[in-house]
Amino acid sequence: MFTDAQGRVWSLVDKAPIFGSDLDPESALPRPAAVRCIVKELRGMSDTSSVPLVLVSTEPDGVAAEDGTAVFLVSSDLLHPAAAR
């Protein structure tokens, strides 16, 4: 789960390997995870924070929210560089 820049809480849905190899049927959920995304657009600062906002897409791996949403406006502090493969 994560909260977007508008304060909406999202849950992403996909197969376990997308979220990490340490998941098994007994894993407690929700749990911290990372999802690859593409930065589509850099935005200015939010009205309530000095952290820049970023429009991202979770489409590289086909990950989406339950309603199919795959583009989100988030605070840049939620993003981290991808590890080299």
N, C-alpha and C. Protein backbone atom coordinates (compact mmCIF):
# COMPACT_ATOMS: atom_id res chain seq x y z
N MET A 1 0.84 -1.18 0.00
CA MET A 1 0.00 0.00 0.00
C MET A 1 0.88 1.24 0.00
N PHE A 2 0.39 2.28 -0.65
CA PHE A 2 1.06 3.57 -0.60
C PHE A 2 0.00 4.65 -0.73
N THR A 3 0.37 5.86 -0.33
CA THR A 3 -0.53 7.00 -0.42
C THR A 3 -0.01 7.95 -1.49
N ASP A 4 -0.89 8.33 -2.43
CA ASP A 4 -0.47 9.22 -3.51
C ASP A 4 -0.47 10.67 -3.03
N ALA A 5 -0.13 11.59 -3.92
CA ALA A 5 -0.01 13.01 -3.56
C ALA A 5 -1.34 13.65 -3.19
N GLN A 6 -2.46 13.03 -3.59
CA GLN A 6 -3.77 13.55 -3.23
C GLN A 6 -4.31 12.92 -1.95
N GLY A 7 -3.53 12.04 -1.33
CA GLY A 7 -3.95 11.41 -0.08
C GLY A 7 -4.73 10.12 -0.26
N ARG A 8 -4.85 9.62 -1.48
CA ARG A 8 -5.56 8.37 -1.71
C ARG A 8 -4.63 7.18 -1.47
N VAL A 9 -5.14 6.19 -0.75
CA VAL A 9 -4.37 4.99 -0.45
C VAL A 9 -4.62 3.96 -1.54
N TRP A 10 -3.52 3.38 -2.06
CA TRP A 10 -3.59 2.42 -3.15
C TRP A 10 -2.98 1.10 -2.72
N SER A 11 -3.52 0.01 -3.23
CA SER A 11 -2.92 -1.32 -3.11
C SER A 11 -2.68 -1.83 -4.52
N LEU A 12 -1.48 -2.31 -4.76
CA LEU A 12 -1.15 -2.85 -6.07
C LEU A 12 -1.32 -4.36 -6.05
N VAL A 13 -1.77 -4.91 -7.17
CA VAL A 13 -2.09 -6.33 -7.26
C VAL A 13 -1.26 -6.97 -8.37
N ASP A 14 -0.59 -8.08 -8.03
CA ASP A 14 0.13 -8.85 -9.04
C ASP A 14 0.62 -10.13 -8.39
N LYS A 15 1.38 -10.90 -9.13
CA LYS A 15 1.95 -12.14 -8.62
C LYS A 15 3.11 -11.83 -7.66
N ALA A 16 3.35 -12.73 -6.72
CA ALA A 16 4.37 -12.53 -5.69
C ALA A 16 5.75 -12.19 -6.24
N PRO A 17 6.25 -12.82 -7.33
CA PRO A 17 7.61 -12.50 -7.80
C PRO A 17 7.81 -11.03 -8.17
N ILE A 18 6.76 -10.34 -8.55
CA ILE A 18 6.87 -8.92 -8.87
C ILE A 18 7.26 -8.12 -7.64
N PHE A 19 6.78 -8.52 -6.47
CA PHE A 19 6.99 -7.75 -5.24
C PHE A 19 8.18 -8.22 -4.42
N GLY A 20 8.73 -9.36 -4.72
CA GLY A 20 9.89 -9.84 -3.98
C GLY A 20 9.88 -11.35 -3.87
N SER A 21 11.05 -11.93 -3.84
CA SER A 21 11.16 -13.38 -3.82
C SER A 21 10.99 -13.97 -2.43
N ASP A 22 10.89 -13.14 -1.39
CA ASP A 22 10.78 -13.65 -0.03
C ASP A 22 9.33 -13.90 0.40
N LEU A 23 8.39 -13.79 -0.50
CA LEU A 23 6.98 -14.03 -0.18
C LEU A 23 6.65 -15.50 -0.31
N ASP A 24 5.82 -15.98 0.60
CA ASP A 24 5.30 -17.34 0.51
C ASP A 24 3.86 -17.31 1.01
N PRO A 25 3.12 -18.42 0.93
CA PRO A 25 1.71 -18.42 1.31
C PRO A 25 1.45 -18.00 2.76
N GLU A 26 2.45 -18.12 3.63
CA GLU A 26 2.27 -17.74 5.04
C GLU A 26 2.73 -16.31 5.34
N SER A 27 3.22 -15.58 4.36
CA SER A 27 3.71 -14.22 4.58
C SER A 27 2.59 -13.31 5.07
N ALA A 28 2.89 -12.51 6.09
CA ALA A 28 1.94 -11.53 6.60
C ALA A 28 1.84 -10.37 5.61
N LEU A 29 0.62 -9.96 5.32
CA LEU A 29 0.38 -8.86 4.39
C LEU A 29 -0.46 -7.79 5.06
N PRO A 30 -0.37 -6.55 4.70
CA PRO A 30 0.58 -6.02 3.71
C PRO A 30 1.99 -5.97 4.29
N ARG A 31 2.97 -5.87 3.40
CA ARG A 31 4.37 -5.80 3.80
C ARG A 31 5.10 -4.87 2.84
N PRO A 32 6.22 -4.31 3.28
CA PRO A 32 6.98 -3.41 2.39
C PRO A 32 7.40 -4.14 1.12
N ALA A 33 7.35 -3.44 0.02
CA ALA A 33 7.76 -4.02 -1.26
C ALA A 33 8.16 -2.89 -2.20
N ALA A 34 8.78 -3.24 -3.29
CA ALA A 34 9.14 -2.27 -4.31
C ALA A 34 8.57 -2.72 -5.64
N VAL A 35 8.18 -1.75 -6.46
CA VAL A 35 7.63 -2.02 -7.78
C VAL A 35 8.35 -1.11 -8.76
N ARG A 36 8.79 -1.68 -9.88
CA ARG A 36 9.41 -0.84 -10.90
C ARG A 36 8.38 0.12 -11.48
N CYS A 37 8.84 1.32 -11.81
CA CYS A 37 7.96 2.30 -12.44
C CYS A 37 8.77 3.16 -13.40
N ILE A 38 8.04 3.85 -14.25
CA ILE A 38 8.64 4.78 -15.20
C ILE A 38 8.19 6.19 -14.81
N VAL A 39 9.13 7.11 -14.73
CA VAL A 39 8.77 8.51 -14.47
C VAL A 39 8.25 9.09 -15.77
N LYS A 40 7.00 9.53 -15.74
CA LYS A 40 6.38 10.09 -16.94
C LYS A 40 6.51 11.62 -16.98
N GLU A 41 6.51 12.22 -15.80
CA GLU A 41 6.54 13.69 -15.76
C GLU A 41 6.97 14.15 -14.37
N LEU A 42 7.83 15.17 -14.34
CA LEU A 42 8.20 15.82 -13.08
C LEU A 42 7.26 16.99 -12.88
N ARG A 43 6.74 17.12 -11.68
CA ARG A 43 5.83 18.21 -11.36
C ARG A 43 6.49 19.12 -10.33
N GLY A 44 5.83 20.21 -9.99
CA GLY A 44 6.33 21.12 -8.98
C GLY A 44 6.11 20.57 -7.58
N MET A 45 6.29 21.42 -6.62
CA MET A 45 6.09 21.06 -5.22
C MET A 45 4.59 20.99 -4.91
N SER A 46 4.25 20.15 -3.93
CA SER A 46 2.86 20.10 -3.50
C SER A 46 2.54 21.34 -2.68
N ASP A 47 1.28 21.58 -2.41
CA ASP A 47 0.86 22.73 -1.62
C ASP A 47 1.27 22.60 -0.16
N THR A 48 1.48 21.39 0.31
CA THR A 48 1.73 21.15 1.73
C THR A 48 3.15 20.70 2.04
N SER A 49 4.00 20.57 1.04
CA SER A 49 5.34 20.03 1.25
C SER A 49 6.31 20.64 0.26
N SER A 50 7.59 20.61 0.62
CA SER A 50 8.62 21.09 -0.30
C SER A 50 9.23 19.95 -1.11
N VAL A 51 8.57 18.79 -1.08
CA VAL A 51 9.04 17.63 -1.83
C VAL A 51 8.40 17.65 -3.21
N PRO A 52 9.19 17.50 -4.28
CA PRO A 52 8.62 17.51 -5.63
C PRO A 52 7.66 16.33 -5.86
N LEU A 53 6.71 16.55 -6.74
CA LEU A 53 5.76 15.51 -7.13
C LEU A 53 6.18 14.93 -8.47
N VAL A 54 5.89 13.64 -8.65
CA VAL A 54 6.29 12.92 -9.85
C VAL A 54 5.12 12.08 -10.34
N LEU A 55 4.83 12.15 -11.62
CA LEU A 55 3.82 11.28 -12.23
C LEU A 55 4.54 10.03 -12.69
N VAL A 56 4.13 8.86 -12.17
CA VAL A 56 4.80 7.61 -12.50
C VAL A 56 3.79 6.61 -13.06
N SER A 57 4.33 5.65 -13.82
CA SER A 57 3.54 4.55 -14.35
C SER A 57 4.14 3.24 -13.87
N THR A 58 3.30 2.34 -13.40
CA THR A 58 3.76 1.02 -12.95
C THR A 58 3.59 -0.02 -14.05
N GLU A 59 3.43 0.43 -15.28
CA GLU A 59 3.15 -0.46 -16.40
C GLU A 59 4.32 -1.33 -16.89
N PRO A 60 5.61 -1.05 -16.55
CA PRO A 60 6.67 -1.89 -17.11
C PRO A 60 6.48 -3.38 -16.84
N ASP A 61 5.95 -3.73 -15.68
CA ASP A 61 5.73 -5.13 -15.34
C ASP A 61 4.25 -5.50 -15.31
N GLY A 62 3.39 -4.61 -15.79
CA GLY A 62 1.96 -4.89 -15.83
C GLY A 62 1.28 -4.79 -14.47
N VAL A 63 1.91 -4.11 -13.52
CA VAL A 63 1.34 -3.97 -12.17
C VAL A 63 0.32 -2.84 -12.17
N ALA A 64 -0.79 -3.05 -11.47
CA ALA A 64 -1.83 -2.03 -11.39
C ALA A 64 -2.60 -2.20 -10.08
N ALA A 65 -3.38 -1.18 -9.76
CA ALA A 65 -4.29 -1.26 -8.61
C ALA A 65 -5.47 -2.15 -9.00
N GLU A 66 -6.29 -2.48 -8.03
CA GLU A 66 -7.42 -3.37 -8.29
C GLU A 66 -8.35 -2.83 -9.36
N ASP A 67 -8.47 -1.50 -9.48
CA ASP A 67 -9.35 -0.92 -10.49
C ASP A 67 -8.66 -0.73 -11.84
N GLY A 68 -7.42 -1.18 -11.96
CA GLY A 68 -6.67 -1.06 -13.21
C GLY A 68 -5.80 0.16 -13.32
N THR A 69 -5.85 1.06 -12.35
CA THR A 69 -5.03 2.27 -12.37
C THR A 69 -3.55 1.89 -12.32
N ALA A 70 -2.76 2.49 -13.23
CA ALA A 70 -1.33 2.21 -13.28
C ALA A 70 -0.50 3.49 -13.38
N VAL A 71 -1.14 4.66 -13.30
CA VAL A 71 -0.44 5.94 -13.33
C VAL A 71 -0.82 6.69 -12.06
N PHE A 72 0.21 7.16 -11.34
CA PHE A 72 -0.01 7.76 -10.04
C PHE A 72 0.83 9.02 -9.89
N LEU A 73 0.28 10.03 -9.21
CA LEU A 73 1.02 11.23 -8.84
C LEU A 73 1.49 11.00 -7.41
N VAL A 74 2.82 10.92 -7.22
CA VAL A 74 3.36 10.61 -5.90
C VAL A 74 4.43 11.61 -5.51
N SER A 75 4.70 11.64 -4.22
CA SER A 75 5.80 12.43 -3.70
C SER A 75 7.10 11.76 -4.10
N SER A 76 8.08 12.53 -4.52
CA SER A 76 9.34 11.96 -5.00
C SER A 76 10.08 11.18 -3.91
N ASP A 77 9.76 11.41 -2.64
CA ASP A 77 10.44 10.66 -1.58
C ASP A 77 9.99 9.20 -1.51
N LEU A 78 8.96 8.81 -2.27
CA LEU A 78 8.58 7.40 -2.36
C LEU A 78 9.43 6.63 -3.36
N LEU A 79 10.17 7.35 -4.20
CA LEU A 79 10.93 6.72 -5.27
C LEU A 79 12.39 6.49 -4.89
N HIS A 80 12.92 5.35 -5.33
CA HIS A 80 14.32 5.01 -5.11
C HIS A 80 14.88 4.44 -6.40
N PRO A 81 16.15 4.69 -6.69
CA PRO A 81 16.74 4.14 -7.91
C PRO A 81 16.65 2.61 -7.91
N ALA A 82 16.45 2.07 -9.08
CA ALA A 82 16.38 0.61 -9.21
C ALA A 82 17.78 0.02 -9.05
N ALA A 83 17.82 -1.15 -8.44
CA ALA A 83 19.09 -1.86 -8.32
C ALA A 83 19.48 -2.41 -9.68
N ALA A 84 20.75 -2.46 -9.95
CA ALA A 84 21.22 -3.03 -11.21
C ALA A 84 20.88 -4.51 -11.26
N ARG A 85 20.49 -4.98 -12.43
CA ARG A 85 20.12 -6.40 -12.57
C ARG A 85 21.28 -7.18 -13.09
